[in-house]
Amino acid sequence: MTDIHKQINLLESRDSKVSDDARQALSLQINLGNGISQLVHYYGRTHSNRALDLLSKIREPHDKTFLDSLSDTIKERRIMATLDLLGQIVQTAPSWTPKIALHPVFKAILQHSVATKELDECIGGLLFVTALLPHCSSLPLDVLNAIFHAFTEGCQTYRIKVRNFA
């Protein structure tokens, strides 16, 4: 564990050799399923492009660990970092992208989009949903209903914000 934290800290080194060595070491660990949670939390705090690069290369079967870690970041109220990271992942379109809509993190994002009164968080959640939908050939009825509900409530939030702002 300590080695993973050390490598994460070295990832941002100004010395390119040290940074590259840390990236390679972390890449090997991530391919084994280790350090994913720590790297997700690090990204949530720092928005590091180097961490994003490593996280965007996660492959099955480690996608579940990754998505579970993202659920934790939502609980920590780092919703924008979570949406940013998931948006980047969806753009790279790994083979497991359709699984995101079936994971509890997706439902948590939809629920947050409904509950929040922060327009940027609401719109960010809905933009993520629209980016993910083309990757999902079929969705269960409860997920579709949750999506429709989130969009309806998002429109309501937008309407209220615009009316109060004008």
N, C-alpha and C. Protein backbone atom coordinates (compact mmCIF):
# COMPACT_ATOMS: atom_id res chain seq x y z
N MET A 1 0.82 -1.20 0.00
CA MET A 1 0.00 0.00 0.00
C MET A 1 0.86 1.26 0.00
N THR A 2 1.85 1.30 0.88
CA THR A 2 2.70 2.47 0.98
C THR A 2 3.43 2.71 -0.33
N ASP A 3 3.85 1.63 -1.00
CA ASP A 3 4.54 1.77 -2.27
C ASP A 3 3.63 2.44 -3.31
N ILE A 4 2.36 2.10 -3.29
CA ILE A 4 1.42 2.72 -4.24
C ILE A 4 1.29 4.21 -3.95
N HIS A 5 1.17 4.57 -2.67
CA HIS A 5 1.08 5.99 -2.32
C HIS A 5 2.37 6.72 -2.72
N LYS A 6 3.49 6.07 -2.52
CA LYS A 6 4.77 6.67 -2.90
C LYS A 6 4.82 6.90 -4.41
N GLN A 7 4.38 5.90 -5.18
CA GLN A 7 4.39 6.02 -6.64
C GLN A 7 3.43 7.12 -7.10
N ILE A 8 2.29 7.22 -6.44
CA ILE A 8 1.33 8.28 -6.80
C ILE A 8 1.96 9.65 -6.57
N ASN A 9 2.66 9.81 -5.44
CA ASN A 9 3.31 11.09 -5.17
C ASN A 9 4.41 11.38 -6.18
N LEU A 10 5.14 10.34 -6.60
CA LEU A 10 6.21 10.52 -7.58
C LEU A 10 5.67 10.79 -8.99
N LEU A 11 4.43 10.46 -9.21
CA LEU A 11 3.81 10.66 -10.52
C LEU A 11 3.88 12.11 -10.97
N GLU A 12 3.81 13.03 -10.03
CA GLU A 12 3.81 14.46 -10.34
C GLU A 12 5.20 15.08 -10.26
N SER A 13 6.23 14.27 -10.20
CA SER A 13 7.60 14.78 -10.11
C SER A 13 7.94 15.62 -11.33
N ARG A 14 8.76 16.64 -11.09
CA ARG A 14 9.22 17.48 -12.20
C ARG A 14 10.31 16.77 -13.01
N ASP A 15 10.91 15.77 -12.40
CA ASP A 15 11.91 14.96 -13.10
C ASP A 15 11.17 13.95 -13.98
N SER A 16 11.30 14.09 -15.28
CA SER A 16 10.52 13.25 -16.20
C SER A 16 10.84 11.77 -16.04
N LYS A 17 12.08 11.42 -15.72
CA LYS A 17 12.43 10.00 -15.53
C LYS A 17 11.72 9.44 -14.31
N VAL A 18 11.73 10.18 -13.23
CA VAL A 18 11.05 9.74 -12.00
C VAL A 18 9.55 9.61 -12.26
N SER A 19 8.99 10.59 -12.94
CA SER A 19 7.56 10.56 -13.25
C SER A 19 7.21 9.38 -14.15
N ASP A 20 8.01 9.14 -15.18
CA ASP A 20 7.76 8.01 -16.08
C ASP A 20 7.89 6.67 -15.37
N ASP A 21 8.90 6.56 -14.49
CA ASP A 21 9.07 5.32 -13.72
C ASP A 21 7.86 5.08 -12.82
N ALA A 22 7.38 6.14 -12.19
CA ALA A 22 6.20 6.02 -11.32
C ALA A 22 4.97 5.64 -12.14
N ARG A 23 4.83 6.24 -13.31
CA ARG A 23 3.69 5.91 -14.18
C ARG A 23 3.74 4.45 -14.60
N GLN A 24 4.91 3.96 -14.96
CA GLN A 24 5.04 2.55 -15.36
C GLN A 24 4.75 1.62 -14.19
N ALA A 25 5.26 1.95 -13.01
CA ALA A 25 5.01 1.12 -11.82
C ALA A 25 3.53 1.10 -11.48
N LEU A 26 2.90 2.26 -11.54
CA LEU A 26 1.46 2.33 -11.25
C LEU A 26 0.65 1.61 -12.32
N SER A 27 1.06 1.72 -13.55
CA SER A 27 0.36 1.02 -14.63
C SER A 27 0.38 -0.49 -14.41
N LEU A 28 1.52 -1.01 -14.00
CA LEU A 28 1.61 -2.44 -13.69
C LEU A 28 0.69 -2.81 -12.53
N GLN A 29 0.67 -1.99 -11.49
CA GLN A 29 -0.19 -2.26 -10.34
C GLN A 29 -1.66 -2.20 -10.72
N ILE A 30 -2.03 -1.23 -11.52
CA ILE A 30 -3.42 -1.10 -11.94
C ILE A 30 -3.84 -2.28 -12.80
N ASN A 31 -2.95 -2.75 -13.65
CA ASN A 31 -3.26 -3.94 -14.46
C ASN A 31 -3.48 -5.17 -13.61
N LEU A 32 -2.92 -5.17 -12.39
CA LEU A 32 -3.15 -6.26 -11.44
C LEU A 32 -4.36 -5.99 -10.55
N GLY A 33 -4.93 -4.81 -10.67
CA GLY A 33 -6.10 -4.45 -9.86
C GLY A 33 -5.75 -3.77 -8.56
N ASN A 34 -4.51 -3.39 -8.39
CA ASN A 34 -4.06 -2.74 -7.16
C ASN A 34 -3.95 -1.23 -7.35
N GLY A 35 -4.25 -0.49 -6.30
CA GLY A 35 -4.04 0.94 -6.31
C GLY A 35 -5.10 1.76 -7.04
N ILE A 36 -6.12 1.11 -7.55
CA ILE A 36 -7.14 1.84 -8.31
C ILE A 36 -7.87 2.83 -7.41
N SER A 37 -8.28 2.38 -6.25
CA SER A 37 -9.02 3.24 -5.34
C SER A 37 -8.18 4.44 -4.91
N GLN A 38 -6.92 4.19 -4.59
CA GLN A 38 -6.04 5.28 -4.18
C GLN A 38 -5.86 6.29 -5.31
N LEU A 39 -5.73 5.80 -6.53
CA LEU A 39 -5.54 6.70 -7.67
C LEU A 39 -6.82 7.50 -7.96
N VAL A 40 -7.97 6.87 -7.79
CA VAL A 40 -9.25 7.59 -7.97
C VAL A 40 -9.36 8.71 -6.94
N HIS A 41 -9.04 8.42 -5.69
CA HIS A 41 -9.13 9.45 -4.65
C HIS A 41 -8.10 10.56 -4.89
N TYR A 42 -6.93 10.17 -5.36
CA TYR A 42 -5.91 11.16 -5.70
C TYR A 42 -6.42 12.08 -6.81
N TYR A 43 -7.00 11.49 -7.84
CA TYR A 43 -7.54 12.30 -8.93
C TYR A 43 -8.65 13.22 -8.42
N GLY A 44 -9.49 12.71 -7.53
CA GLY A 44 -10.57 13.53 -6.97
C GLY A 44 -10.06 14.75 -6.24
N ARG A 45 -8.90 14.64 -5.62
CA ARG A 45 -8.32 15.77 -4.90
C ARG A 45 -7.54 16.72 -5.81
N THR A 46 -6.87 16.16 -6.83
CA THR A 46 -5.90 16.96 -7.59
C THR A 46 -6.26 17.22 -9.05
N HIS A 47 -7.15 16.42 -9.61
CA HIS A 47 -7.47 16.49 -11.05
C HIS A 47 -6.22 16.32 -11.91
N SER A 48 -5.32 15.47 -11.45
CA SER A 48 -4.05 15.23 -12.13
C SER A 48 -4.27 14.59 -13.51
N ASN A 49 -3.69 15.19 -14.54
CA ASN A 49 -3.77 14.62 -15.88
C ASN A 49 -3.04 13.29 -15.97
N ARG A 50 -1.98 13.14 -15.20
CA ARG A 50 -1.23 11.88 -15.21
C ARG A 50 -2.06 10.76 -14.58
N ALA A 51 -2.76 11.09 -13.51
CA ALA A 51 -3.63 10.09 -12.89
C ALA A 51 -4.79 9.75 -13.83
N LEU A 52 -5.33 10.75 -14.50
CA LEU A 52 -6.41 10.53 -15.46
C LEU A 52 -5.96 9.60 -16.57
N ASP A 53 -4.76 9.81 -17.07
CA ASP A 53 -4.22 8.95 -18.12
C ASP A 53 -4.18 7.49 -17.67
N LEU A 54 -3.72 7.26 -16.46
CA LEU A 54 -3.66 5.88 -15.94
C LEU A 54 -5.06 5.30 -15.74
N LEU A 55 -5.95 6.09 -15.19
CA LEU A 55 -7.31 5.60 -14.91
C LEU A 55 -8.09 5.33 -16.19
N SER A 56 -7.79 6.06 -17.23
CA SER A 56 -8.52 5.84 -18.49
C SER A 56 -8.09 4.56 -19.19
N LYS A 57 -7.07 3.92 -18.68
CA LYS A 57 -6.59 2.67 -19.29
C LYS A 57 -6.99 1.43 -18.49
N ILE A 58 -7.88 1.59 -17.53
CA ILE A 58 -8.34 0.45 -16.74
C ILE A 58 -9.13 -0.49 -17.64
N ARG A 59 -8.88 -1.77 -17.49
CA ARG A 59 -9.54 -2.79 -18.30
C ARG A 59 -10.27 -3.77 -17.38
N GLU A 60 -11.16 -4.55 -18.00
CA GLU A 60 -11.85 -5.60 -17.26
C GLU A 60 -10.80 -6.57 -16.73
N PRO A 61 -10.99 -7.14 -15.60
CA PRO A 61 -12.14 -7.14 -14.69
C PRO A 61 -12.06 -6.06 -13.61
N HIS A 62 -11.15 -5.10 -13.76
CA HIS A 62 -10.92 -4.10 -12.71
C HIS A 62 -11.87 -2.91 -12.80
N ASP A 63 -12.78 -2.94 -13.76
CA ASP A 63 -13.75 -1.86 -13.90
C ASP A 63 -14.66 -1.75 -12.68
N LYS A 64 -15.00 -2.88 -12.07
CA LYS A 64 -15.87 -2.85 -10.89
C LYS A 64 -15.19 -2.12 -9.73
N THR A 65 -13.93 -2.42 -9.51
CA THR A 65 -13.17 -1.73 -8.46
C THR A 65 -13.14 -0.23 -8.72
N PHE A 66 -12.93 0.13 -9.97
CA PHE A 66 -12.90 1.54 -10.37
C PHE A 66 -14.25 2.21 -10.10
N LEU A 67 -15.32 1.58 -10.55
CA LEU A 67 -16.66 2.17 -10.37
C LEU A 67 -17.04 2.22 -8.89
N ASP A 68 -16.66 1.20 -8.12
CA ASP A 68 -16.92 1.23 -6.68
C ASP A 68 -16.18 2.41 -6.02
N SER A 69 -14.96 2.66 -6.47
CA SER A 69 -14.19 3.79 -5.94
C SER A 69 -14.86 5.11 -6.28
N LEU A 70 -15.44 5.19 -7.46
CA LEU A 70 -16.15 6.41 -7.85
C LEU A 70 -17.39 6.62 -6.98
N SER A 71 -18.03 5.53 -6.59
CA SER A 71 -19.18 5.65 -5.68
C SER A 71 -18.75 6.31 -4.38
N ASP A 72 -17.55 5.94 -3.91
CA ASP A 72 -17.03 6.55 -2.68
C ASP A 72 -16.78 8.04 -2.86
N THR A 73 -16.30 8.45 -4.03
CA THR A 73 -16.04 9.88 -4.24
C THR A 73 -17.34 10.68 -4.25
N ILE A 74 -18.41 10.06 -4.71
CA ILE A 74 -19.71 10.75 -4.66
C ILE A 74 -20.14 10.93 -3.21
N LYS A 75 -19.93 9.91 -2.40
CA LYS A 75 -20.27 10.01 -0.97
C LYS A 75 -19.44 11.08 -0.28
N GLU A 76 -18.22 11.31 -0.79
CA GLU A 76 -17.34 12.34 -0.23
C GLU A 76 -17.67 13.73 -0.79
N ARG A 77 -18.73 13.83 -1.56
CA ARG A 77 -19.19 15.10 -2.15
C ARG A 77 -18.20 15.66 -3.19
N ARG A 78 -17.57 14.78 -3.91
CA ARG A 78 -16.67 15.20 -5.01
C ARG A 78 -17.35 14.86 -6.34
N ILE A 79 -18.56 15.33 -6.49
CA ILE A 79 -19.37 14.94 -7.65
C ILE A 79 -18.77 15.47 -8.96
N MET A 80 -18.26 16.68 -8.97
CA MET A 80 -17.73 17.22 -10.22
C MET A 80 -16.47 16.47 -10.65
N ALA A 81 -15.63 16.10 -9.70
CA ALA A 81 -14.44 15.29 -10.04
C ALA A 81 -14.87 13.94 -10.59
N THR A 82 -15.91 13.36 -10.00
CA THR A 82 -16.42 12.07 -10.47
C THR A 82 -16.97 12.20 -11.88
N LEU A 83 -17.75 13.23 -12.13
CA LEU A 83 -18.32 13.43 -13.46
C LEU A 83 -17.24 13.71 -14.50
N ASP A 84 -16.25 14.48 -14.11
CA ASP A 84 -15.14 14.77 -15.01
C ASP A 84 -14.40 13.49 -15.39
N LEU A 85 -14.11 12.69 -14.39
CA LEU A 85 -13.40 11.43 -14.64
C LEU A 85 -14.23 10.47 -15.48
N LEU A 86 -15.49 10.31 -15.13
CA LEU A 86 -16.35 9.41 -15.91
C LEU A 86 -16.55 9.91 -17.34
N GLY A 87 -16.65 11.21 -17.50
CA GLY A 87 -16.78 11.78 -18.84
C GLY A 87 -15.56 11.46 -19.69
N GLN A 88 -14.38 11.55 -19.09
CA GLN A 88 -13.15 11.21 -19.81
C GLN A 88 -13.11 9.73 -20.15
N ILE A 89 -13.57 8.89 -19.22
CA ILE A 89 -13.58 7.45 -19.46
C ILE A 89 -14.53 7.11 -20.60
N VAL A 90 -15.71 7.70 -20.59
CA VAL A 90 -16.68 7.43 -21.66
C VAL A 90 -16.13 7.85 -23.01
N GLN A 91 -15.37 8.93 -23.06
CA GLN A 91 -14.78 9.36 -24.33
C GLN A 91 -13.76 8.35 -24.86
N THR A 92 -13.05 7.66 -23.96
CA THR A 92 -12.10 6.65 -24.42
C THR A 92 -12.80 5.35 -24.77
N ALA A 93 -14.04 5.19 -24.31
CA ALA A 93 -14.92 4.06 -24.64
C ALA A 93 -14.28 2.69 -24.46
N PRO A 94 -13.86 2.37 -23.21
CA PRO A 94 -13.37 1.00 -23.00
C PRO A 94 -14.51 -0.01 -23.19
N SER A 95 -14.16 -1.26 -23.32
CA SER A 95 -15.16 -2.30 -23.61
C SER A 95 -16.23 -2.39 -22.52
N TRP A 96 -15.91 -1.98 -21.32
CA TRP A 96 -16.85 -2.09 -20.21
C TRP A 96 -17.74 -0.84 -20.04
N THR A 97 -17.68 0.11 -20.95
CA THR A 97 -18.48 1.33 -20.84
C THR A 97 -19.97 1.06 -20.61
N PRO A 98 -20.60 0.10 -21.32
CA PRO A 98 -22.04 -0.13 -21.08
C PRO A 98 -22.36 -0.58 -19.64
N LYS A 99 -21.39 -1.13 -18.94
CA LYS A 99 -21.63 -1.58 -17.56
C LYS A 99 -21.85 -0.41 -16.61
N ILE A 100 -21.38 0.76 -16.98
CA ILE A 100 -21.51 1.91 -16.09
C ILE A 100 -22.97 2.18 -15.76
N ALA A 101 -23.84 2.08 -16.75
CA ALA A 101 -25.27 2.37 -16.54
C ALA A 101 -25.94 1.36 -15.62
N LEU A 102 -25.32 0.22 -15.41
CA LEU A 102 -25.90 -0.81 -14.55
C LEU A 102 -25.25 -0.83 -13.17
N HIS A 103 -24.26 -0.01 -12.96
CA HIS A 103 -23.55 0.04 -11.68
C HIS A 103 -24.22 1.07 -10.76
N PRO A 104 -24.18 0.85 -9.44
CA PRO A 104 -24.79 1.81 -8.51
C PRO A 104 -24.27 3.25 -8.64
N VAL A 105 -23.06 3.44 -9.16
CA VAL A 105 -22.55 4.80 -9.33
C VAL A 105 -23.43 5.60 -10.30
N PHE A 106 -23.98 4.94 -11.29
CA PHE A 106 -24.84 5.62 -12.25
C PHE A 106 -26.12 6.09 -11.58
N LYS A 107 -26.71 5.22 -10.78
CA LYS A 107 -27.93 5.60 -10.06
C LYS A 107 -27.63 6.74 -9.07
N ALA A 108 -26.46 6.70 -8.45
CA ALA A 108 -26.08 7.77 -7.52
C ALA A 108 -25.94 9.10 -8.25
N ILE A 109 -25.39 9.06 -9.45
CA ILE A 109 -25.26 10.29 -10.25
C ILE A 109 -26.64 10.82 -10.62
N LEU A 110 -27.53 9.93 -11.04
CA LEU A 110 -28.89 10.36 -11.38
C LEU A 110 -29.59 10.95 -10.16
N GLN A 111 -29.46 10.29 -9.01
CA GLN A 111 -30.10 10.79 -7.79
C GLN A 111 -29.53 12.15 -7.40
N HIS A 112 -28.23 12.29 -7.54
CA HIS A 112 -27.62 13.58 -7.20
C HIS A 112 -28.09 14.67 -8.16
N SER A 113 -28.21 14.33 -9.43
CA SER A 113 -28.68 15.30 -10.43
C SER A 113 -30.10 15.77 -10.11
N VAL A 114 -30.90 14.89 -9.55
CA VAL A 114 -32.27 15.23 -9.16
C VAL A 114 -32.27 16.07 -7.88
N ALA A 115 -31.44 15.68 -6.91
CA ALA A 115 -31.49 16.31 -5.59
C ALA A 115 -30.77 17.65 -5.52
N THR A 116 -29.75 17.84 -6.32
CA THR A 116 -28.95 19.05 -6.20
C THR A 116 -29.69 20.28 -6.70
N LYS A 117 -29.37 21.37 -6.10
CA LYS A 117 -29.90 22.66 -6.57
C LYS A 117 -28.78 23.45 -7.25
N GLU A 118 -27.60 22.84 -7.35
CA GLU A 118 -26.47 23.46 -8.05
C GLU A 118 -26.60 23.14 -9.52
N LEU A 119 -26.76 24.16 -10.32
CA LEU A 119 -27.01 23.97 -11.75
C LEU A 119 -25.84 23.28 -12.45
N ASP A 120 -24.60 23.63 -12.07
CA ASP A 120 -23.46 23.00 -12.74
C ASP A 120 -23.40 21.50 -12.47
N GLU A 121 -23.74 21.09 -11.26
CA GLU A 121 -23.74 19.66 -10.93
C GLU A 121 -24.88 18.94 -11.65
N CYS A 122 -26.02 19.57 -11.70
CA CYS A 122 -27.18 18.99 -12.38
C CYS A 122 -26.89 18.81 -13.87
N ILE A 123 -26.43 19.87 -14.51
CA ILE A 123 -26.14 19.80 -15.94
C ILE A 123 -24.98 18.85 -16.21
N GLY A 124 -23.96 18.86 -15.35
CA GLY A 124 -22.84 17.94 -15.51
C GLY A 124 -23.29 16.49 -15.48
N GLY A 125 -24.18 16.16 -14.54
CA GLY A 125 -24.71 14.80 -14.47
C GLY A 125 -25.50 14.43 -15.71
N LEU A 126 -26.31 15.35 -16.19
CA LEU A 126 -27.12 15.06 -17.38
C LEU A 126 -26.26 14.97 -18.64
N LEU A 127 -25.22 15.78 -18.72
CA LEU A 127 -24.30 15.67 -19.86
C LEU A 127 -23.58 14.33 -19.86
N PHE A 128 -23.20 13.87 -18.67
CA PHE A 128 -22.57 12.56 -18.58
C PHE A 128 -23.53 11.47 -19.06
N VAL A 129 -24.78 11.56 -18.63
CA VAL A 129 -25.79 10.57 -19.05
C VAL A 129 -25.93 10.57 -20.57
N THR A 130 -25.99 11.75 -21.17
CA THR A 130 -26.15 11.81 -22.63
C THR A 130 -24.91 11.27 -23.35
N ALA A 131 -23.75 11.43 -22.76
CA ALA A 131 -22.53 10.88 -23.38
C ALA A 131 -22.49 9.36 -23.26
N LEU A 132 -23.07 8.84 -22.19
CA LEU A 132 -23.05 7.39 -21.96
C LEU A 132 -24.10 6.64 -22.77
N LEU A 133 -25.25 7.24 -22.99
CA LEU A 133 -26.36 6.54 -23.64
C LEU A 133 -26.02 5.88 -24.98
N PRO A 134 -25.26 6.49 -25.86
CA PRO A 134 -24.96 5.80 -27.13
C PRO A 134 -24.19 4.48 -26.97
N HIS A 135 -23.59 4.28 -25.81
CA HIS A 135 -22.83 3.06 -25.55
C HIS A 135 -23.71 1.94 -24.97
N CYS A 136 -24.96 2.26 -24.69
CA CYS A 136 -25.85 1.31 -24.03
C CYS A 136 -26.95 0.89 -25.00
N SER A 137 -26.84 -0.32 -25.49
CA SER A 137 -27.83 -0.78 -26.48
C SER A 137 -29.18 -1.09 -25.86
N SER A 138 -29.18 -1.49 -24.61
CA SER A 138 -30.45 -1.73 -23.92
C SER A 138 -30.26 -1.46 -22.44
N LEU A 139 -31.30 -0.94 -21.83
CA LEU A 139 -31.27 -0.62 -20.41
C LEU A 139 -32.53 -1.15 -19.75
N PRO A 140 -32.43 -1.59 -18.50
CA PRO A 140 -33.63 -2.02 -17.78
C PRO A 140 -34.61 -0.85 -17.61
N LEU A 141 -35.86 -1.18 -17.47
CA LEU A 141 -36.91 -0.17 -17.36
C LEU A 141 -36.68 0.77 -16.18
N ASP A 142 -36.23 0.25 -15.04
CA ASP A 142 -36.02 1.12 -13.88
C ASP A 142 -34.91 2.14 -14.15
N VAL A 143 -33.89 1.76 -14.91
CA VAL A 143 -32.83 2.70 -15.25
C VAL A 143 -33.36 3.77 -16.21
N LEU A 144 -34.13 3.35 -17.20
CA LEU A 144 -34.73 4.32 -18.13
C LEU A 144 -35.64 5.31 -17.39
N ASN A 145 -36.45 4.79 -16.48
CA ASN A 145 -37.32 5.67 -15.70
C ASN A 145 -36.51 6.66 -14.87
N ALA A 146 -35.41 6.18 -14.28
CA ALA A 146 -34.55 7.07 -13.48
C ALA A 146 -33.93 8.15 -14.37
N ILE A 147 -33.55 7.78 -15.58
CA ILE A 147 -32.98 8.76 -16.53
C ILE A 147 -34.03 9.82 -16.88
N PHE A 148 -35.23 9.38 -17.22
CA PHE A 148 -36.29 10.34 -17.57
C PHE A 148 -36.61 11.25 -16.40
N HIS A 149 -36.65 10.68 -15.20
CA HIS A 149 -36.93 11.48 -14.01
C HIS A 149 -35.82 12.52 -13.80
N ALA A 150 -34.57 12.11 -13.98
CA ALA A 150 -33.45 13.04 -13.80
C ALA A 150 -33.52 14.19 -14.81
N PHE A 151 -33.86 13.87 -16.05
CA PHE A 151 -33.98 14.93 -17.06
C PHE A 151 -35.13 15.87 -16.75
N THR A 152 -36.25 15.33 -16.31
CA THR A 152 -37.41 16.16 -15.96
C THR A 152 -37.06 17.09 -14.80
N GLU A 153 -36.45 16.54 -13.76
CA GLU A 153 -36.07 17.36 -12.61
C GLU A 153 -34.97 18.36 -12.97
N GLY A 154 -34.07 17.95 -13.86
CA GLY A 154 -33.02 18.86 -14.31
C GLY A 154 -33.61 20.07 -15.02
N CYS A 155 -34.62 19.83 -15.84
CA CYS A 155 -35.31 20.94 -16.52
C CYS A 155 -35.97 21.86 -15.50
N GLN A 156 -36.55 21.27 -14.48
CA GLN A 156 -37.21 22.05 -13.43
C GLN A 156 -36.17 22.89 -12.68
N THR A 157 -35.03 22.30 -12.34
CA THR A 157 -33.97 23.04 -11.66
C THR A 157 -33.49 24.20 -12.52
N TYR A 158 -33.31 23.94 -13.79
CA TYR A 158 -32.86 24.99 -14.72
C TYR A 158 -33.89 26.12 -14.79
N ARG A 159 -35.15 25.75 -14.90
CA ARG A 159 -36.22 26.75 -14.99
C ARG A 159 -36.25 27.63 -13.74
N ILE A 160 -36.12 27.02 -12.58
CA ILE A 160 -36.13 27.78 -11.32
C ILE A 160 -34.93 28.72 -11.25
N LYS A 161 -33.75 28.23 -11.62
CA LYS A 161 -32.54 29.06 -11.57
C LYS A 161 -32.65 30.24 -12.53
N VAL A 162 -33.14 29.99 -13.73
CA VAL A 162 -33.27 31.06 -14.72
C VAL A 162 -34.29 32.09 -14.26
N ARG A 163 -35.40 31.62 -13.71
CA ARG A 163 -36.44 32.54 -13.24
C ARG A 163 -35.92 33.39 -12.08
N ASN A 164 -35.17 32.78 -11.16
CA ASN A 164 -34.63 33.51 -10.02
C ASN A 164 -33.52 34.47 -10.43
N PHE A 165 -32.84 34.15 -11.49
CA PHE A 165 -31.72 34.97 -11.95
C PHE A 165 -32.20 36.19 -12.73
N ALA A 166 -33.31 36.02 -13.42
CA ALA A 166 -33.81 37.10 -14.29
C ALA A 166 -34.41 38.24 -13.51
